[in-house]
Amino acid sequence: MRIGIDARLLGYRQAGIGKYTRQLIEHLVPLATDEQFVVLHSRKDGRSLVDDPHFERRATFTPPHHRLEQWILPLETYRLGFDLLHSPDFIPPFRRNYKSIITVHDLAFLKFPHFVTKDSAHHYGHIDQAVRNTDHIIAVSHSTREDIVALLGADEEKITVIHEAADPIFQPISDETMLAEVRARHSLNLPYIFFLSTIEPRKNLTTLLHAFRQLLDAYPTVRGVTLAIAGEKGWLYEEVFDTIESLRLGDAVRYLGRVPLADLPALLNGATAHVHPSFYEGFGLTPLEAMATGTPTIVSNVSSLPEVVGDAGLQVPPEDVEAWADAIYRMLSDEELRTTLSEKGLKRAAQFSWHKAAQQHLDLYHKIVG
């Protein structure tokens, strides 16, 4: 069986969908037997994700999200002899001579259209046609599956839920010297609360900043704590930095920018707590990464986040500033609570496995090809 996997987006962005695609391909390697995988790369991306005889790297000229993508990509893939193409970035080629599976990570662009750029709206605006056109859909959570059915009218039998998992590098670290070296590299002192994600309106950082200001004003004993923000600057990121200035948070907030993947486990390990106030998530990978390191997490009580976190983290309404301030204070002041949530988080994170997810993907490929 000859299976294509569209990894072109990895040449442009490493977060979110890119993480999913990379982890999937890497964990399919030990499972491949009679299958031949063809990984589609951007021609501008010279890397190979894996070195294995079952995996072939194929450079493509069609950039992801390009306005001519539906014309050029079918021409590029027509002669590759695919039995199936897996499109992790939602939208498959609509004209093709092979079976199709797509992954739908979330439907934020439908539920919160004001949080989406024009380019993204154009690309993901094809989602209705994609859902009708593809042979099968992978949803990364039951919450996303429900959204696909409710918002797009998809047949439930056409959707399989396969949970993501944390990268195996996210685990507890006991080496205090190494933790201190990573903190020093980012000019970060203890104690700190850690936020990790792209800086964009959907992540609801302004509510978190207002809650942090309220926390510092209401509880003088915690004024030495820092809110560390790590992530790329996304769409409309300026509002976040304007809010930091207007609230006079100054050095109490540290923006670390895009942090190398190798440093993230240490930064999570060193945090007193992880916070994720997002309005909506299709899966909620960063809270899972935090739990995998043993770091207690606070998340919004919406979309897929309760499904991922369960009782291993605190859940707060996304727009309730006072509730967020209180939750962070509880984490800072209650060591027993942190210990309990850390233990629960480690057990919860262990239930999600990329080996298991890759096997589920492979089984689905075989089922759809028939």
Foldseek 3Di string as FASTA:
>chain_A
DEEEEEQACCVPDCPDLNVQSLLLVVLCQVVDDPYAYEYEYAPNDPDDSDDHPSYHYDHDPDHPLDPCCLPRVQVVCAPVPHQEYEYAVQADNLDHDHAYEYEDWAVCCVVPVVQDDPSVCVRCVCNLVRLVRHQAYEFQFVLRLVCCCVVNVHDSVRYDHFHAAADVLQAADPPVVVLVVLCVVQVHDPEEEEEEEEQTVQQLVLLVLLLVLVLVVPDVVCVVYAYEYEHAHDPPNVVNVVSCVVSVCPRSYHYRYHDDPNSVNSVLNRYLAYEGLGPETSADHVCLSSLNRLHEYEYAPDRRVCVQQPPLHHYDHSNPSNRSNVRVVCSVPPPVNSNSSSVVSNVSSVVHDSSVSSVVVVVVVVVSSD
